[in-house]
Structure formats: C-alpha cells, structure tokens
C-alpha cells in the first residue's frame, strides 16, 4: 500500500467517523471510519519507513567503473544523499 492509498483510507475513514450520522443495526459506521483511519495511518507509516529502500528521497546511488582486465583496477563511487 502506498502513500496515496493510505491518504485515501484516512480521508474516507474521517468522513465516515465524523461526518456521517446514520443509525443502523448490525454495524457502526463510525467504528468502520475509525478502523479505516487507523489502517491508513499504519500504511502511511510503513510506506515512510521503507521509502528510501524503494528509491525515494534519500536513496543512494552506486556507480561502478571497470577499467578492463589489463589494469585490474575498479572504481566504486557511492553517493549517499541524506
């Protein structure tokens, strides 16, 4: 689940929890709204934790230059942008 889906779940959950006032038997719309907001928040946190490993902001770049078998020299450049 990405950031976009998480934000949609939070928005739909907030509407159901705070804006909808329906009385029904069997299930509570407000409780479903709270559950959707919690699931969206957890999904957003997990997405932010793994953001750098997915190539988002802060992802490092690694360039390998092999100068051939005659020289036996290899240059590795790592850029860590924090």
C-alpha atoms as a PDB file:
ATOM      1  CA  UNK A   1       0.000   0.000   0.000  1.00  0.00           C
ATOM      2  CA  UNK A   2       1.442   3.361  -0.975  1.00  0.00           C
ATOM      3  CA  UNK A   3       1.127   6.844   0.418  1.00  0.00           C
ATOM      4  CA  UNK A   4      -1.758   7.657  -1.939  1.00  0.00           C
ATOM      5  CA  UNK A   5      -3.880   4.718  -0.858  1.00  0.00           C
ATOM      6  CA  UNK A   6      -3.114   5.469   2.779  1.00  0.00           C
ATOM      7  CA  UNK A   7      -4.259   9.066   2.396  1.00  0.00           C
ATOM      8  CA  UNK A   8      -7.467   7.935   0.684  1.00  0.00           C
ATOM      9  CA  UNK A   9      -8.185   5.477   3.507  1.00  0.00           C
ATOM     10  CA  UNK A  10      -7.579   8.193   6.097  1.00  0.00           C
ATOM     11  CA  UNK A  11      -9.865  10.626   4.250  1.00  0.00           C
ATOM     12  CA  UNK A  12     -12.692   8.111   3.795  1.00  0.00           C
ATOM     13  CA  UNK A  13     -12.338   6.991   7.402  1.00  0.00           C
ATOM     14  CA  UNK A  14     -12.517  10.585   8.642  1.00  0.00           C
ATOM     15  CA  UNK A  15     -15.671  11.216   6.636  1.00  0.00           C
ATOM     16  CA  UNK A  16     -17.291   8.068   7.980  1.00  0.00           C
ATOM     17  CA  UNK A  17     -16.185   8.744  11.563  1.00  0.00           C
ATOM     18  CA  UNK A  18     -17.005  12.439  11.812  1.00  0.00           C
ATOM     19  CA  UNK A  19     -19.426  13.484   9.053  1.00  0.00           C
ATOM     20  CA  UNK A  20     -21.826  10.565   8.670  1.00  0.00           C
ATOM     21  CA  UNK A  21     -24.622  10.291  11.207  1.00  0.00           C
ATOM     22  CA  UNK A  22     -26.543   7.100  10.444  1.00  0.00           C
ATOM     23  CA  UNK A  23     -28.302   4.750  12.796  1.00  0.00           C
ATOM     24  CA  UNK A  24     -28.193   1.128  11.705  1.00  0.00           C
ATOM     25  CA  UNK A  25     -28.360  -2.270  13.311  1.00  0.00           C
ATOM     26  CA  UNK A  26     -25.543  -4.745  12.892  1.00  0.00           C
ATOM     27  CA  UNK A  27     -22.568  -2.450  12.465  1.00  0.00           C
ATOM     28  CA  UNK A  28     -21.498   1.054  13.347  1.00  0.00           C
ATOM     29  CA  UNK A  29     -20.397   3.377  10.522  1.00  0.00           C
ATOM     30  CA  UNK A  30     -18.337   5.487  12.923  1.00  0.00           C
ATOM     31  CA  UNK A  31     -16.352   2.445  14.073  1.00  0.00           C
ATOM     32  CA  UNK A  32     -15.635   1.484  10.462  1.00  0.00           C
ATOM     33  CA  UNK A  33     -14.391   5.034   9.905  1.00  0.00           C
ATOM     34  CA  UNK A  34     -12.004   4.794  12.840  1.00  0.00           C
ATOM     35  CA  UNK A  35     -10.730   1.426  11.623  1.00  0.00           C
ATOM     36  CA  UNK A  36     -10.075   2.847   8.140  1.00  0.00           C
ATOM     37  CA  UNK A  37      -8.207   5.811   9.620  1.00  0.00           C
ATOM     38  CA  UNK A  38      -6.016   3.523  11.735  1.00  0.00           C
ATOM     39  CA  UNK A  39      -5.254   1.212   8.796  1.00  0.00           C
ATOM     40  CA  UNK A  40      -4.414   4.233   6.631  1.00  0.00           C
ATOM     41  CA  UNK A  41      -2.113   5.709   9.274  1.00  0.00           C
ATOM     42  CA  UNK A  42      -0.283   2.398   9.770  1.00  0.00           C
ATOM     43  CA  UNK A  43       0.086   2.029   5.994  1.00  0.00           C
ATOM     44  CA  UNK A  44       1.464   5.563   5.700  1.00  0.00           C
ATOM     45  CA  UNK A  45       3.995   4.927   8.472  1.00  0.00           C
ATOM     46  CA  UNK A  46       5.155   1.684   6.879  1.00  0.00           C
ATOM     47  CA  UNK A  47       5.463   3.419   3.498  1.00  0.00           C
ATOM     48  CA  UNK A  48       7.576   6.186   5.024  1.00  0.00           C
ATOM     49  CA  UNK A  49       9.824   3.701   6.817  1.00  0.00           C
ATOM     50  CA  UNK A  50      10.575   1.826   3.585  1.00  0.00           C
ATOM     51  CA  UNK A  51      10.610   4.936   1.361  1.00  0.00           C
ATOM     52  CA  UNK A  52      14.404   5.025   0.918  1.00  0.00           C
ATOM     53  CA  UNK A  53      14.667   1.349   0.006  1.00  0.00           C
ATOM     54  CA  UNK A  54      12.062   1.864  -2.733  1.00  0.00           C
ATOM     55  CA  UNK A  55      14.206   4.531  -4.379  1.00  0.00           C
ATOM     56  CA  UNK A  56      12.515   7.564  -2.949  1.00  0.00           C
ATOM     57  CA  UNK A  57      14.158  10.525  -1.293  1.00  0.00           C
ATOM     58  CA  UNK A  58      17.482   9.643   0.314  1.00  0.00           C
ATOM     59  CA  UNK A  59      18.215   6.650  -1.880  1.00  0.00           C
ATOM     60  CA  UNK A  60      21.892   6.171  -2.567  1.00  0.00           C
ATOM     61  CA  UNK A  61      23.492   5.860  -5.997  1.00  0.00           C
ATOM     62  CA  UNK A  62      26.280   3.450  -6.820  1.00  0.00           C
ATOM     63  CA  UNK A  63      28.405   3.691  -9.942  1.00  0.00           C
ATOM     64  CA  UNK A  64      30.938   1.015 -10.823  1.00  0.00           C
ATOM     65  CA  UNK A  65      33.620   1.706 -13.411  1.00  0.00           C
ATOM     66  CA  UNK A  66      35.621  -1.291 -14.565  1.00  0.00           C
ATOM     67  CA  UNK A  67      38.710  -0.261 -16.494  1.00  0.00           C
ATOM     68  CA  UNK A  68      39.318  -3.613 -18.119  1.00  0.00           C
ATOM     69  CA  UNK A  69      41.202  -6.817 -17.362  1.00  0.00           C
ATOM     70  CA  UNK A  70      44.630  -5.352 -18.181  1.00  0.00           C
ATOM     71  CA  UNK A  71      44.647  -2.834 -15.332  1.00  0.00           C
ATOM     72  CA  UNK A  72      42.789  -4.855 -12.685  1.00  0.00           C
ATOM     73  CA  UNK A  73      41.518  -1.631 -11.176  1.00  0.00           C
ATOM     74  CA  UNK A  74      37.918  -0.954 -10.250  1.00  0.00           C
ATOM     75  CA  UNK A  75      36.433   2.337  -9.083  1.00  0.00           C
ATOM     76  CA  UNK A  76      33.259   2.368  -6.992  1.00  0.00           C
ATOM     77  CA  UNK A  77      31.536   5.676  -6.312  1.00  0.00           C
ATOM     78  CA  UNK A  78      28.752   5.755  -3.737  1.00  0.00           C
ATOM     79  CA  UNK A  79      26.677   8.877  -3.249  1.00  0.00           C
ATOM     80  CA  UNK A  80      24.668   8.903  -0.033  1.00  0.00           C
ATOM     81  CA  UNK A  81      22.229  11.770  -0.020  1.00  0.00           C
ATOM     82  CA  UNK A  82      20.624  12.158   3.370  1.00  0.00           C
END
